[in-house]
Amino acid sequence: MARRRSAALRWIRRAFLVWAAASSLWLANSYRTQGVDSHDLRADARVALREDAATLAFQPAAPGAAAALLFFCGSGVAAQAYAPLLRPVAEAGFPVYVVKLPYRFAPLESHRLEALARAARTMAAHPDITRWVVAGHSQGGALAARFASGEGAGAAALVLIGTTHPKARSLAALPIPVAKIYATNDEVAPPSRVLANKALLPPQTEWVEVVGGNHAQFGHYGRQLGDGAASITREAQQEQARAVLLRVLQGVQAAARRPGAT
């Protein structure tokens, strides 16, 4: 009897280890950057690329932009996965700085604080930029909301993509333009939960529904656990999100260039 129990325990332990290894491999693969054209990660005559441990930057060759985009990655997602979404923003003339999360997932509060500090250092390193649009996808949206409402005192606008945040703090009195982009087939940040927190955002918030989109297609990575199936292409979904980012950036830059603007 004791031998049978010991053998059963060994079998259970082995089965658990196999399951844990398989789950880890599946999770790692699902967040792996996929389908990014090599051109999106190469410099050319229009866009320069700069990368370090904290950020991935897309910088327009033509100087003079008054506004720039500060973008927080989603949890587990590499900065490169957002290149197809964000490089065209730089091609349109706006610098883009993608903030990497420590250990990719920023699991601890100290990691999230470091991500916010990276964003603050990026802003401080570019005093020529007078208006910053802060944005983020998924968990990056939570960080963007936190940054724009506190640590990022210089934020001129906020764009939240595929996220239920803010959830714990009210941004209803935030005196800057805010846009919230959500997808109808997103089961990670489902529309019902997104809209349940509507009162935590300013009354003037622009709400943008991407019909047929899901959670993962805001970036270029694998299928995310629990996500719904998209009924539109990744390119179509990102085109809609990018149009909002560009519209907000253009509005912020126009305001910065009005006579008397500071």
C-alpha atoms as a PDB file:
ATOM      1  CA  MET A   1       0.000   0.000   0.000  1.00  0.00           C
ATOM      2  CA  ALA A   2       2.761   2.450   0.971  1.00  0.00           C
ATOM      3  CA  ARG A   3       4.631   1.633  -2.262  1.00  0.00           C
ATOM      4  CA  ARG A   4       1.518   2.252  -4.353  1.00  0.00           C
ATOM      5  CA  ARG A   5       0.929   5.587  -2.570  1.00  0.00           C
ATOM      6  CA  SER A   6       4.570   6.606  -3.117  1.00  0.00           C
ATOM      7  CA  ALA A   7       4.392   5.679  -6.811  1.00  0.00           C
ATOM      8  CA  ALA A   8       1.157   7.637  -7.191  1.00  0.00           C
ATOM      9  CA  LEU A   9       2.720  10.696  -5.576  1.00  0.00           C
ATOM     10  CA  ARG A  10       5.724  10.456  -7.889  1.00  0.00           C
ATOM     11  CA  TRP A  11       3.407  10.236 -10.897  1.00  0.00           C
ATOM     12  CA  ILE A  12       1.422  13.263  -9.707  1.00  0.00           C
ATOM     13  CA  ARG A  13       4.612  15.287  -9.190  1.00  0.00           C
ATOM     14  CA  ARG A  14       5.881  14.383 -12.659  1.00  0.00           C
ATOM     15  CA  ALA A  15       2.537  15.206 -14.237  1.00  0.00           C
ATOM     16  CA  PHE A  16       2.511  18.563 -12.464  1.00  0.00           C
ATOM     17  CA  LEU A  17       6.037  19.368 -13.664  1.00  0.00           C
ATOM     18  CA  VAL A  18       5.116  18.466 -17.241  1.00  0.00           C
ATOM     19  CA  TRP A  19       1.962  20.608 -17.013  1.00  0.00           C
ATOM     20  CA  ALA A  20       3.905  23.538 -15.514  1.00  0.00           C
ATOM     21  CA  ALA A  21       6.589  23.338 -18.208  1.00  0.00           C
ATOM     22  CA  ALA A  22       4.015  23.105 -21.010  1.00  0.00           C
ATOM     23  CA  SER A  23       2.022  26.014 -19.577  1.00  0.00           C
ATOM     24  CA  SER A  24       5.140  28.154 -19.267  1.00  0.00           C
ATOM     25  CA  LEU A  25       6.140  27.412 -22.861  1.00  0.00           C
ATOM     26  CA  TRP A  26       2.623  28.208 -24.115  1.00  0.00           C
ATOM     27  CA  LEU A  27       2.526  31.454 -22.154  1.00  0.00           C
ATOM     28  CA  ALA A  28       5.962  32.510 -23.380  1.00  0.00           C
ATOM     29  CA  ASN A  29       4.982  31.746 -26.975  1.00  0.00           C
ATOM     30  CA  SER A  30       1.650  33.579 -26.727  1.00  0.00           C
ATOM     31  CA  TYR A  31       3.388  36.809 -25.714  1.00  0.00           C
ATOM     32  CA  ARG A  32       6.172  36.394 -28.282  1.00  0.00           C
ATOM     33  CA  THR A  33       6.351  39.136 -30.911  1.00  0.00           C
ATOM     34  CA  GLN A  34       4.917  37.808 -34.173  1.00  0.00           C
ATOM     35  CA  GLY A  35       4.361  39.111 -37.676  1.00  0.00           C
ATOM     36  CA  VAL A  36       6.422  42.313 -37.425  1.00  0.00           C
ATOM     37  CA  ASP A  37       7.914  43.323 -40.764  1.00  0.00           C
ATOM     38  CA  SER A  38      11.669  43.855 -40.491  1.00  0.00           C
ATOM     39  CA  HIS A  39      11.206  47.321 -42.017  1.00  0.00           C
ATOM     40  CA  ASP A  40       9.283  48.424 -38.928  1.00  0.00           C
ATOM     41  CA  LEU A  41      12.384  47.882 -36.813  1.00  0.00           C
ATOM     42  CA  ARG A  42      14.927  49.459 -39.163  1.00  0.00           C
ATOM     43  CA  ALA A  43      15.946  53.087 -39.479  1.00  0.00           C
ATOM     44  CA  ASP A  44      15.461  54.800 -42.817  1.00  0.00           C
ATOM     45  CA  ALA A  45      15.419  58.318 -44.251  1.00  0.00           C
ATOM     46  CA  ARG A  46      12.168  59.122 -42.432  1.00  0.00           C
ATOM     47  CA  VAL A  47      12.582  57.522 -39.004  1.00  0.00           C
ATOM     48  CA  ALA A  48      15.545  56.878 -36.703  1.00  0.00           C
ATOM     49  CA  LEU A  49      15.393  54.091 -34.124  1.00  0.00           C
ATOM     50  CA  ARG A  50      16.992  54.227 -30.693  1.00  0.00           C
ATOM     51  CA  GLU A  51      16.770  51.444 -28.136  1.00  0.00           C
ATOM     52  CA  ASP A  52      18.111  50.917 -24.643  1.00  0.00           C
ATOM     53  CA  ALA A  53      17.055  48.935 -21.590  1.00  0.00           C
ATOM     54  CA  ALA A  54      14.254  51.376 -20.774  1.00  0.00           C
ATOM     55  CA  THR A  55      12.715  52.446 -24.080  1.00  0.00           C
ATOM     56  CA  LEU A  56      12.352  51.853 -27.791  1.00  0.00           C
ATOM     57  CA  ALA A  57      12.211  55.179 -29.636  1.00  0.00           C
ATOM     58  CA  PHE A  58      10.979  56.055 -33.117  1.00  0.00           C
ATOM     59  CA  GLN A  59      12.226  59.542 -33.969  1.00  0.00           C
ATOM     60  CA  PRO A  60      11.202  61.460 -37.095  1.00  0.00           C
ATOM     61  CA  ALA A  61      14.081  62.605 -39.272  1.00  0.00           C
ATOM     62  CA  ALA A  62      12.497  66.044 -39.582  1.00  0.00           C
ATOM     63  CA  PRO A  63      12.855  67.950 -36.292  1.00  0.00           C
ATOM     64  CA  GLY A  64      10.486  70.504 -34.849  1.00  0.00           C
ATOM     65  CA  ALA A  65       7.596  68.526 -33.360  1.00  0.00           C
ATOM     66  CA  ALA A  66       6.109  70.139 -30.270  1.00  0.00           C
ATOM     67  CA  ALA A  67       4.239  66.959 -29.264  1.00  0.00           C
ATOM     68  CA  ALA A  68       5.396  63.382 -28.697  1.00  0.00           C
ATOM     69  CA  LEU A  69       3.878  60.052 -27.696  1.00  0.00           C
ATOM     70  CA  LEU A  70       4.894  58.195 -24.532  1.00  0.00           C
ATOM     71  CA  PHE A  71       3.525  54.637 -24.756  1.00  0.00           C
ATOM     72  CA  PHE A  72       3.518  51.960 -22.017  1.00  0.00           C
ATOM     73  CA  CYS A  73       3.712  48.318 -23.175  1.00  0.00           C
ATOM     74  CA  GLY A  74       1.154  45.776 -22.066  1.00  0.00           C
ATOM     75  CA  SER A  75       2.208  43.238 -19.445  1.00  0.00           C
ATOM     76  CA  GLY A  76       4.415  40.545 -20.957  1.00  0.00           C
ATOM     77  CA  VAL A  77       4.530  42.212 -24.372  1.00  0.00           C
ATOM     78  CA  ALA A  78       7.821  43.330 -25.913  1.00  0.00           C
ATOM     79  CA  ALA A  79       8.177  46.901 -27.133  1.00  0.00           C
ATOM     80  CA  GLN A  80       8.866  45.592 -30.648  1.00  0.00           C
ATOM     81  CA  ALA A  81       5.350  44.133 -30.811  1.00  0.00           C
ATOM     82  CA  TYR A  82       3.964  47.670 -31.005  1.00  0.00           C
ATOM     83  CA  ALA A  83       6.231  48.784 -33.866  1.00  0.00           C
ATOM     84  CA  PRO A  84       3.605  48.315 -36.626  1.00  0.00           C
ATOM     85  CA  LEU A  85       1.101  50.360 -34.617  1.00  0.00           C
ATOM     86  CA  LEU A  86       3.470  53.148 -33.623  1.00  0.00           C
ATOM     87  CA  ARG A  87       6.136  53.582 -36.294  1.00  0.00           C
ATOM     88  CA  PRO A  88       3.648  55.302 -38.651  1.00  0.00           C
ATOM     89  CA  VAL A  89       3.035  57.849 -35.888  1.00  0.00           C
ATOM     90  CA  ALA A  90       6.716  58.786 -36.124  1.00  0.00           C
ATOM     91  CA  GLU A  91       6.486  58.801 -39.918  1.00  0.00           C
ATOM     92  CA  ALA A  92       3.731  61.399 -39.486  1.00  0.00           C
ATOM     93  CA  GLY A  93       6.228  63.602 -37.631  1.00  0.00           C
ATOM     94  CA  PHE A  94       5.691  62.781 -33.947  1.00  0.00           C
ATOM     95  CA  PRO A  95       8.454  61.227 -31.795  1.00  0.00           C
ATOM     96  CA  VAL A  96       7.367  57.977 -30.129  1.00  0.00           C
ATOM     97  CA  TYR A  97       8.905  56.534 -26.960  1.00  0.00           C
ATOM     98  CA  VAL A  98       7.786  53.026 -25.991  1.00  0.00           C
ATOM     99  CA  VAL A  99       8.372  52.410 -22.286  1.00  0.00           C
ATOM    100  CA  LYS A 100       9.461  48.842 -21.514  1.00  0.00           C
ATOM    101  CA  LEU A 101       8.174  47.180 -18.352  1.00  0.00           C
ATOM    102  CA  PRO A 102      10.793  45.742 -15.977  1.00  0.00           C
ATOM    103  CA  TYR A 103      10.961  41.953 -16.392  1.00  0.00           C
ATOM    104  CA  ARG A 104       8.345  42.405 -19.152  1.00  0.00           C
ATOM    105  CA  PHE A 105       5.447  41.868 -16.694  1.00  0.00           C
ATOM    106  CA  ALA A 106       6.309  44.403 -13.951  1.00  0.00           C
ATOM    107  CA  PRO A 107       4.827  41.998 -11.375  1.00  0.00           C
ATOM    108  CA  LEU A 108       5.771  43.993  -8.267  1.00  0.00           C
ATOM    109  CA  GLU A 109       4.934  47.529  -7.227  1.00  0.00           C
ATOM    110  CA  SER A 110       8.648  48.354  -7.287  1.00  0.00           C
ATOM    111  CA  HIS A 111       8.721  47.317 -10.964  1.00  0.00           C
ATOM    112  CA  ARG A 112       5.720  49.486 -11.772  1.00  0.00           C
ATOM    113  CA  LEU A 113       7.361  52.421 -10.019  1.00  0.00           C
ATOM    114  CA  GLU A 114      10.460  51.853 -12.138  1.00  0.00           C
ATOM    115  CA  ALA A 115       8.329  51.914 -15.308  1.00  0.00           C
ATOM    116  CA  LEU A 116       6.867  55.253 -14.212  1.00  0.00           C
ATOM    117  CA  ALA A 117      10.369  56.521 -13.450  1.00  0.00           C
ATOM    118  CA  ARG A 118      11.518  55.480 -16.931  1.00  0.00           C
ATOM    119  CA  ALA A 119       8.699  57.531 -18.416  1.00  0.00           C
ATOM    120  CA  ALA A 120       9.598  60.550 -16.280  1.00  0.00           C
ATOM    121  CA  ARG A 121      13.268  60.284 -17.273  1.00  0.00           C
ATOM    122  CA  THR A 122      12.295  60.103 -20.929  1.00  0.00           C
ATOM    123  CA  MET A 123      10.283  63.302 -20.647  1.00  0.00           C
ATOM    124  CA  ALA A 124      13.093  65.066 -18.795  1.00  0.00           C
ATOM    125  CA  ALA A 125      15.614  64.021 -21.448  1.00  0.00           C
ATOM    126  CA  HIS A 126      13.660  65.823 -24.188  1.00  0.00           C
ATOM    127  CA  PRO A 127      13.008  69.399 -23.037  1.00  0.00           C
ATOM    128  CA  ASP A 128      12.324  70.417 -26.638  1.00  0.00           C
ATOM    129  CA  ILE A 129       9.042  68.481 -26.473  1.00  0.00           C
ATOM    130  CA  THR A 130       6.479  70.729 -24.792  1.00  0.00           C
ATOM    131  CA  ARG A 131       3.407  68.466 -25.060  1.00  0.00           C
ATOM    132  CA  TRP A 132       3.304  64.764 -24.190  1.00  0.00           C
ATOM    133  CA  VAL A 133       0.478  62.406 -25.068  1.00  0.00           C
ATOM    134  CA  VAL A 134       0.604  59.473 -22.643  1.00  0.00           C
ATOM    135  CA  ALA A 135      -0.864  56.158 -23.803  1.00  0.00           C
ATOM    136  CA  GLY A 136      -0.769  52.464 -22.987  1.00  0.00           C
ATOM    137  CA  HIS A 137      -2.251  49.088 -23.839  1.00  0.00           C
ATOM    138  CA  SER A 138      -3.744  46.707 -21.273  1.00  0.00           C
ATOM    139  CA  GLN A 139      -1.654  46.897 -18.076  1.00  0.00           C
ATOM    140  CA  GLY A 140       0.242  49.672 -19.826  1.00  0.00           C
ATOM    141  CA  GLY A 141      -3.027  51.585 -19.828  1.00  0.00           C
ATOM    142  CA  ALA A 142      -3.145  51.331 -16.050  1.00  0.00           C
ATOM    143  CA  LEU A 143       0.370  52.777 -15.876  1.00  0.00           C
ATOM    144  CA  ALA A 144      -0.486  55.504 -18.377  1.00  0.00           C
ATOM    145  CA  ALA A 145      -3.522  56.534 -16.322  1.00  0.00           C
ATOM    146  CA  ARG A 146      -1.446  56.545 -13.158  1.00  0.00           C
ATOM    147  CA  PHE A 147       1.327  58.536 -14.803  1.00  0.00           C
ATOM    148  CA  ALA A 148      -0.935  61.153 -16.382  1.00  0.00           C
ATOM    149  CA  SER A 149      -2.820  61.726 -13.142  1.00  0.00           C
ATOM    150  CA  GLY A 150       0.196  61.920 -10.851  1.00  0.00           C
ATOM    151  CA  GLU A 151       3.817  61.275 -11.675  1.00  0.00           C
ATOM    152  CA  GLY A 152       3.548  62.702 -15.206  1.00  0.00           C
ATOM    153  CA  ALA A 153       2.578  66.262 -14.399  1.00  0.00           C
ATOM    154  CA  GLY A 154       3.506  67.328 -17.923  1.00  0.00           C
ATOM    155  CA  ALA A 155       0.999  65.058 -19.673  1.00  0.00           C
ATOM    156  CA  ALA A 156      -1.115  66.975 -22.199  1.00  0.00           C
ATOM    157  CA  ALA A 157      -3.467  64.111 -23.125  1.00  0.00           C
ATOM    158  CA  LEU A 158      -4.197  60.480 -22.210  1.00  0.00           C
ATOM    159  CA  VAL A 159      -5.129  57.580 -24.517  1.00  0.00           C
ATOM    160  CA  LEU A 160      -6.128  54.243 -22.967  1.00  0.00           C
ATOM    161  CA  ILE A 161      -6.183  51.185 -25.245  1.00  0.00           C
ATOM    162  CA  GLY A 162      -7.716  47.790 -24.450  1.00  0.00           C
ATOM    163  CA  THR A 163      -7.844  48.284 -20.693  1.00  0.00           C
ATOM    164  CA  THR A 164     -10.446  48.381 -17.927  1.00  0.00           C
ATOM    165  CA  HIS A 165      -8.383  50.964 -16.046  1.00  0.00           C
ATOM    166  CA  PRO A 166      -8.745  53.248 -14.238  1.00  0.00           C
ATOM    167  CA  LYS A 167     -10.474  51.022 -11.685  1.00  0.00           C
ATOM    168  CA  ALA A 168      -9.266  52.111  -8.247  1.00  0.00           C
ATOM    169  CA  ARG A 169      -8.849  55.866  -8.698  1.00  0.00           C
ATOM    170  CA  SER A 170     -11.074  58.462 -10.289  1.00  0.00           C
ATOM    171  CA  LEU A 171      -9.705  60.566 -13.136  1.00  0.00           C
ATOM    172  CA  ALA A 172     -13.042  62.317 -13.630  1.00  0.00           C
ATOM    173  CA  ALA A 173     -11.499  65.706 -12.831  1.00  0.00           C
ATOM    174  CA  LEU A 174      -8.460  65.247 -15.088  1.00  0.00           C
ATOM    175  CA  PRO A 175      -8.227  68.541 -17.043  1.00  0.00           C
ATOM    176  CA  ILE A 176      -6.693  67.137 -20.235  1.00  0.00           C
ATOM    177  CA  PRO A 177      -8.125  65.406 -23.327  1.00  0.00           C
ATOM    178  CA  VAL A 178      -8.758  61.688 -22.760  1.00  0.00           C
ATOM    179  CA  ALA A 179      -9.594  58.942 -25.271  1.00  0.00           C
ATOM    180  CA  LYS A 180     -10.573  55.358 -24.447  1.00  0.00           C
ATOM    181  CA  ILE A 181     -10.264  52.721 -27.186  1.00  0.00           C
ATOM    182  CA  TYR A 182     -11.848  49.307 -26.662  1.00  0.00           C
ATOM    183  CA  ALA A 183     -12.672  46.328 -28.886  1.00  0.00           C
ATOM    184  CA  THR A 184     -15.974  44.472 -28.998  1.00  0.00           C
ATOM    185  CA  ASN A 185     -14.383  40.988 -29.044  1.00  0.00           C
ATOM    186  CA  ASP A 186     -11.837  41.719 -26.309  1.00  0.00           C
ATOM    187  CA  GLU A 187     -12.403  39.154 -23.555  1.00  0.00           C
ATOM    188  CA  VAL A 188      -9.371  40.234 -21.498  1.00  0.00           C
ATOM    189  CA  ALA A 189     -10.715  43.775 -21.106  1.00  0.00           C
ATOM    190  CA  PRO A 190     -14.347  43.177 -22.149  1.00  0.00           C
ATOM    191  CA  PRO A 191     -16.552  46.145 -23.084  1.00  0.00           C
ATOM    192  CA  SER A 192     -18.895  45.501 -20.159  1.00  0.00           C
ATOM    193  CA  ARG A 193     -16.063  45.997 -17.672  1.00  0.00           C
ATOM    194  CA  VAL A 194     -14.580  48.902 -19.619  1.00  0.00           C
ATOM    195  CA  LEU A 195     -17.899  50.758 -19.622  1.00  0.00           C
ATOM    196  CA  ALA A 196     -18.574  49.888 -15.971  1.00  0.00           C
ATOM    197  CA  ASN A 197     -15.731  52.266 -15.062  1.00  0.00           C
ATOM    198  CA  LYS A 198     -16.942  55.077 -17.312  1.00  0.00           C
ATOM    199  CA  ALA A 199     -17.676  57.401 -14.387  1.00  0.00           C
ATOM    200  CA  LEU A 200     -13.987  57.289 -13.389  1.00  0.00           C
ATOM    201  CA  LEU A 201     -13.008  59.186 -16.554  1.00  0.00           C
ATOM    202  CA  PRO A 202     -13.767  62.820 -17.434  1.00  0.00           C
ATOM    203  CA  PRO A 203     -17.166  63.609 -19.001  1.00  0.00           C
ATOM    204  CA  GLN A 204     -15.419  64.842 -22.165  1.00  0.00           C
ATOM    205  CA  THR A 205     -13.649  61.497 -22.730  1.00  0.00           C
ATOM    206  CA  GLU A 206     -13.760  60.294 -26.344  1.00  0.00           C
ATOM    207  CA  TRP A 207     -14.963  56.679 -26.456  1.00  0.00           C
ATOM    208  CA  VAL A 208     -13.859  54.693 -29.501  1.00  0.00           C
ATOM    209  CA  GLU A 209     -15.294  51.223 -30.130  1.00  0.00           C
ATOM    210  CA  VAL A 210     -13.368  48.951 -32.496  1.00  0.00           C
ATOM    211  CA  VAL A 211     -16.011  46.591 -33.834  1.00  0.00           C
ATOM    212  CA  GLY A 212     -14.663  43.068 -34.315  1.00  0.00           C
ATOM    213  CA  GLY A 213     -11.324  43.703 -32.648  1.00  0.00           C
ATOM    214  CA  ASN A 214      -9.877  41.748 -29.725  1.00  0.00           C
ATOM    215  CA  HIS A 215      -7.220  42.337 -27.064  1.00  0.00           C
ATOM    216  CA  ALA A 216      -4.049  40.977 -28.655  1.00  0.00           C
ATOM    217  CA  GLN A 217      -4.491  42.625 -32.046  1.00  0.00           C
ATOM    218  CA  PHE A 218      -3.639  46.045 -30.638  1.00  0.00           C
ATOM    219  CA  GLY A 219      -0.086  44.659 -30.779  1.00  0.00           C
ATOM    220  CA  HIS A 220       1.744  42.039 -32.819  1.00  0.00           C
ATOM    221  CA  TYR A 221       2.008  38.991 -30.575  1.00  0.00           C
ATOM    222  CA  GLY A 222       0.346  35.595 -30.159  1.00  0.00           C
ATOM    223  CA  ARG A 223      -3.133  34.714 -28.982  1.00  0.00           C
ATOM    224  CA  GLN A 224      -3.639  35.805 -25.377  1.00  0.00           C
ATOM    225  CA  LEU A 225      -5.170  33.455 -22.819  1.00  0.00           C
ATOM    226  CA  GLY A 226      -8.876  34.195 -22.381  1.00  0.00           C
ATOM    227  CA  ASP A 227      -9.096  36.568 -25.344  1.00  0.00           C
ATOM    228  CA  GLY A 228     -11.928  36.507 -27.860  1.00  0.00           C
ATOM    229  CA  ALA A 229     -11.551  35.825 -31.571  1.00  0.00           C
ATOM    230  CA  ALA A 230     -11.250  38.902 -33.764  1.00  0.00           C
ATOM    231  CA  SER A 231     -13.441  39.261 -36.845  1.00  0.00           C
ATOM    232  CA  ILE A 232     -11.311  42.019 -38.404  1.00  0.00           C
ATOM    233  CA  THR A 233      -7.652  41.995 -39.381  1.00  0.00           C
ATOM    234  CA  ARG A 234      -4.884  43.119 -37.087  1.00  0.00           C
ATOM    235  CA  GLU A 235      -4.024  45.867 -39.565  1.00  0.00           C
ATOM    236  CA  ALA A 236      -7.587  47.222 -39.613  1.00  0.00           C
ATOM    237  CA  GLN A 237      -7.758  47.207 -35.822  1.00  0.00           C
ATOM    238  CA  GLN A 238      -4.452  49.019 -35.423  1.00  0.00           C
ATOM    239  CA  GLU A 239      -5.350  51.526 -38.127  1.00  0.00           C
ATOM    240  CA  GLN A 240      -8.359  52.610 -36.052  1.00  0.00           C
ATOM    241  CA  ALA A 241      -6.299  52.888 -32.863  1.00  0.00           C
ATOM    242  CA  ARG A 242      -3.529  54.779 -34.647  1.00  0.00           C
ATOM    243  CA  ALA A 243      -6.031  57.251 -36.120  1.00  0.00           C
ATOM    244  CA  VAL A 244      -7.061  58.193 -32.577  1.00  0.00           C
ATOM    245  CA  LEU A 245      -3.449  58.588 -31.454  1.00  0.00           C
ATOM    246  CA  LEU A 246      -2.670  60.828 -34.421  1.00  0.00           C
ATOM    247  CA  ARG A 247      -5.802  62.907 -33.935  1.00  0.00           C
ATOM    248  CA  VAL A 248      -4.956  63.506 -30.276  1.00  0.00           C
ATOM    249  CA  LEU A 249      -1.325  64.339 -31.085  1.00  0.00           C
ATOM    250  CA  GLN A 250      -2.357  66.751 -33.820  1.00  0.00           C
ATOM    251  CA  GLY A 251      -4.798  68.484 -31.480  1.00  0.00           C
ATOM    252  CA  VAL A 252      -2.219  68.797 -28.724  1.00  0.00           C
ATOM    253  CA  GLN A 253       0.419  70.119 -31.118  1.00  0.00           C
ATOM    254  CA  ALA A 254      -1.989  72.664 -32.605  1.00  0.00           C
ATOM    255  CA  ALA A 255      -2.780  73.916 -29.097  1.00  0.00           C
ATOM    256  CA  ALA A 256       0.937  74.199 -28.309  1.00  0.00           C
ATOM    257  CA  ARG A 257       1.513  76.386 -31.360  1.00  0.00           C
ATOM    258  CA  ARG A 258      -1.283  78.837 -30.718  1.00  0.00           C
ATOM    259  CA  PRO A 259      -0.126  82.356 -29.833  1.00  0.00           C
ATOM    260  CA  GLY A 260       0.363  82.679 -26.095  1.00  0.00           C
ATOM    261  CA  ALA A 261       0.601  78.903 -25.465  1.00  0.00           C
ATOM    262  CA  THR A 262       3.133  77.849 -22.824  1.00  0.00           C
END
